[in-house]
């Protein structure tokens, strides 16, 4: 059997590797989507507003929606 200190260190390494795997599982798809979106916008020669990205805050949009 291994010493308790060695087992603790192995456990810490395992947890660190698991956390890294989860973070990479979230980061890589997000990065792929960003690159594909940027390429799509560049090919169509349009800005980020096409995808719904705007500089207006949520509260600045409300008065326009309340008009009849």
N, C-alpha and C. Protein backbone atom coordinates (compact mmCIF):
# COMPACT_ATOMS: atom_id res chain seq x y z
N UNK A 1 0.84 -1.18 0.00
CA UNK A 1 0.00 0.00 0.00
C UNK A 1 0.88 1.24 0.00
N UNK A 2 0.37 2.31 -0.61
CA UNK A 2 1.11 3.56 -0.67
C UNK A 2 0.93 4.35 0.62
N UNK A 3 1.78 5.33 0.76
CA UNK A 3 1.68 6.18 1.94
C UNK A 3 0.50 7.14 1.76
N UNK A 4 -0.08 7.61 2.89
CA UNK A 4 -1.21 8.54 2.80
C UNK A 4 -0.87 9.84 2.07
N UNK A 5 0.36 10.31 2.21
CA UNK A 5 0.76 11.55 1.54
C UNK A 5 0.77 11.34 0.03
N UNK A 6 1.28 10.22 -0.42
CA UNK A 6 1.32 9.91 -1.85
C UNK A 6 -0.09 9.78 -2.41
N UNK A 7 -0.97 9.11 -1.67
CA UNK A 7 -2.35 8.96 -2.13
C UNK A 7 -3.06 10.30 -2.19
N UNK A 8 -2.77 11.19 -1.24
CA UNK A 8 -3.36 12.53 -1.27
C UNK A 8 -2.90 13.30 -2.51
N UNK A 9 -1.64 13.20 -2.81
CA UNK A 9 -1.11 13.91 -3.98
C UNK A 9 -1.70 13.35 -5.28
N UNK A 10 -1.83 12.04 -5.35
CA UNK A 10 -2.43 11.42 -6.53
C UNK A 10 -3.89 11.87 -6.66
N UNK A 11 -4.59 11.96 -5.56
CA UNK A 11 -5.98 12.43 -5.57
C UNK A 11 -6.08 13.87 -6.04
N UNK A 12 -5.17 14.70 -5.59
CA UNK A 12 -5.17 16.10 -6.01
C UNK A 12 -4.92 16.21 -7.52
N UNK A 13 -3.99 15.41 -8.02
CA UNK A 13 -3.70 15.42 -9.46
C UNK A 13 -4.92 14.94 -10.25
N UNK A 14 -5.61 13.92 -9.75
CA UNK A 14 -6.80 13.41 -10.43
C UNK A 14 -7.89 14.47 -10.48
N UNK A 15 -8.11 15.18 -9.39
CA UNK A 15 -9.12 16.22 -9.36
C UNK A 15 -8.74 17.36 -10.31
N UNK A 16 -7.48 17.74 -10.32
CA UNK A 16 -7.02 18.80 -11.21
C UNK A 16 -7.22 18.39 -12.67
N UNK A 17 -6.94 17.16 -13.01
CA UNK A 17 -7.14 16.68 -14.38
C UNK A 17 -8.63 16.65 -14.74
N UNK A 18 -9.47 16.27 -13.80
CA UNK A 18 -10.91 16.25 -14.06
C UNK A 18 -11.45 17.67 -14.29
N UNK A 19 -10.99 18.61 -13.47
CA UNK A 19 -11.42 20.01 -13.64
C UNK A 19 -10.95 20.54 -14.99
N UNK A 20 -9.73 20.23 -15.36
CA UNK A 20 -9.19 20.66 -16.65
C UNK A 20 -10.00 20.07 -17.80
N UNK A 21 -10.38 18.82 -17.70
CA UNK A 21 -11.16 18.18 -18.76
C UNK A 21 -12.53 18.84 -18.90
N UNK A 22 -13.17 19.16 -17.79
CA UNK A 22 -14.49 19.81 -17.85
C UNK A 22 -14.37 21.21 -18.45
N UNK A 23 -13.37 21.97 -18.03
CA UNK A 23 -13.18 23.31 -18.57
C UNK A 23 -12.87 23.28 -20.06
N UNK A 24 -12.06 22.35 -20.49
CA UNK A 24 -11.75 22.23 -21.91
C UNK A 24 -12.99 21.79 -22.70
N UNK A 25 -13.83 20.96 -22.08
CA UNK A 25 -15.06 20.52 -22.73
C UNK A 25 -16.00 21.70 -22.96
N UNK A 26 -15.94 22.71 -22.12
CA UNK A 26 -16.76 23.91 -22.30
C UNK A 26 -16.08 24.92 -23.22
N UNK A 27 -14.77 25.05 -23.13
CA UNK A 27 -14.04 26.08 -23.86
C UNK A 27 -13.92 25.79 -25.35
N UNK A 28 -13.61 24.57 -25.70
CA UNK A 28 -13.36 24.24 -27.11
C UNK A 28 -14.62 24.42 -27.97
N UNK A 29 -15.80 23.92 -27.58
CA UNK A 29 -16.99 24.19 -28.42
C UNK A 29 -17.32 25.68 -28.51
N UNK A 30 -17.15 26.41 -27.41
CA UNK A 30 -17.41 27.84 -27.45
C UNK A 30 -16.45 28.54 -28.42
N UNK A 31 -15.21 28.14 -28.41
CA UNK A 31 -14.22 28.72 -29.32
C UNK A 31 -14.56 28.39 -30.77
N UNK A 32 -14.98 27.18 -31.03
CA UNK A 32 -15.35 26.78 -32.39
C UNK A 32 -16.54 27.61 -32.88
N UNK A 33 -17.54 27.80 -32.02
CA UNK A 33 -18.70 28.61 -32.42
C UNK A 33 -18.32 30.06 -32.69
N UNK A 34 -17.44 30.61 -31.88
CA UNK A 34 -16.99 31.99 -32.10
C UNK A 34 -16.24 32.13 -33.42
N UNK A 35 -15.38 31.18 -33.71
CA UNK A 35 -14.62 31.24 -34.97
C UNK A 35 -15.56 31.08 -36.17
N UNK A 36 -16.50 30.16 -36.09
CA UNK A 36 -17.43 29.97 -37.19
C UNK A 36 -18.32 31.20 -37.39
N UNK A 37 -18.75 31.81 -36.30
CA UNK A 37 -19.55 33.03 -36.40
C UNK A 37 -18.76 34.17 -37.00
N UNK A 38 -17.52 34.32 -36.60
CA UNK A 38 -16.67 35.38 -37.15
C UNK A 38 -16.41 35.15 -38.64
N UNK A 39 -16.16 33.91 -39.02
CA UNK A 39 -15.94 33.61 -40.44
C UNK A 39 -17.20 33.88 -41.26
N UNK A 40 -18.34 33.51 -40.73
CA UNK A 40 -19.61 33.74 -41.42
C UNK A 40 -19.85 35.23 -41.61
N UNK A 41 -19.62 36.02 -40.57
CA UNK A 41 -19.82 37.46 -40.69
C UNK A 41 -18.82 38.07 -41.67
N UNK A 42 -17.60 37.60 -41.66
CA UNK A 42 -16.59 38.14 -42.56
C UNK A 42 -16.93 37.82 -44.02
N UNK A 43 -17.41 36.61 -44.27
CA UNK A 43 -17.76 36.24 -45.64
C UNK A 43 -18.97 37.03 -46.14
N UNK A 44 -19.92 37.30 -45.25
CA UNK A 44 -21.10 38.06 -45.65
C UNK A 44 -20.89 39.57 -45.55
N UNK A 45 -19.74 39.97 -45.01
CA UNK A 45 -19.39 41.38 -44.83
C UNK A 45 -20.45 42.12 -44.03
N UNK A 46 -20.83 41.53 -42.90
CA UNK A 46 -21.82 42.13 -42.01
C UNK A 46 -21.22 42.25 -40.62
N UNK A 47 -21.83 43.09 -39.82
CA UNK A 47 -21.33 43.31 -38.47
C UNK A 47 -21.99 42.40 -37.45
N UNK A 48 -21.54 42.48 -36.20
CA UNK A 48 -22.08 41.65 -35.14
C UNK A 48 -23.56 41.90 -34.84
N UNK A 49 -24.09 43.05 -35.25
CA UNK A 49 -25.51 43.34 -35.02
C UNK A 49 -26.40 42.34 -35.76
N UNK A 50 -25.89 41.72 -36.79
CA UNK A 50 -26.64 40.70 -37.53
C UNK A 50 -26.96 39.51 -36.64
N UNK A 51 -26.08 39.22 -35.72
CA UNK A 51 -26.28 38.09 -34.81
C UNK A 51 -27.01 38.47 -33.53
N UNK A 52 -27.43 39.73 -33.44
CA UNK A 52 -28.16 40.18 -32.26
C UNK A 52 -27.28 40.86 -31.23
N UNK A 53 -26.02 41.06 -31.52
CA UNK A 53 -25.12 41.74 -30.60
C UNK A 53 -25.29 43.24 -30.83
N UNK A 54 -25.61 43.97 -29.78
CA UNK A 54 -25.76 45.41 -29.92
C UNK A 54 -25.17 46.11 -28.70
N UNK A 55 -24.94 47.39 -28.84
CA UNK A 55 -24.37 48.16 -27.74
C UNK A 55 -25.45 48.75 -26.83
N UNK A 56 -26.71 48.66 -27.24
CA UNK A 56 -27.79 49.16 -26.41
C UNK A 56 -28.00 48.23 -25.22
N UNK A 57 -28.28 48.85 -24.08
CA UNK A 57 -28.60 48.03 -22.91
C UNK A 57 -30.04 47.57 -23.01
N UNK A 58 -30.39 46.67 -22.17
CA UNK A 58 -31.73 46.12 -22.17
C UNK A 58 -32.77 47.20 -21.90
N UNK A 59 -32.45 48.14 -21.04
CA UNK A 59 -33.41 49.17 -20.65
C UNK A 59 -33.56 50.23 -21.73
N UNK A 60 -32.58 50.40 -22.59
CA UNK A 60 -32.69 51.36 -23.67
C UNK A 60 -33.63 50.85 -24.77
N UNK A 61 -33.85 49.57 -24.85
CA UNK A 61 -34.69 48.99 -25.88
C UNK A 61 -36.17 49.06 -25.52
N UNK A 62 -36.50 49.11 -24.25
CA UNK A 62 -37.90 49.04 -23.83
C UNK A 62 -38.79 50.16 -24.36
N UNK A 63 -38.38 51.43 -24.35
CA UNK A 63 -39.30 52.46 -24.86
C UNK A 63 -39.73 52.22 -26.31
N UNK A 64 -38.87 51.64 -27.13
CA UNK A 64 -39.22 51.37 -28.52
C UNK A 64 -40.25 50.26 -28.62
N UNK A 65 -40.25 49.35 -27.69
CA UNK A 65 -41.19 48.23 -27.74
C UNK A 65 -42.57 48.62 -27.22
N UNK A 66 -42.65 49.68 -26.45
CA UNK A 66 -43.93 50.08 -25.87
C UNK A 66 -44.76 50.94 -26.80
N UNK A 67 -44.21 51.37 -27.91
CA UNK A 67 -44.96 52.19 -28.86
C UNK A 67 -45.95 51.32 -29.63
N UNK A 68 -47.11 51.89 -29.88
CA UNK A 68 -48.15 51.16 -30.62
C UNK A 68 -48.33 51.74 -32.00
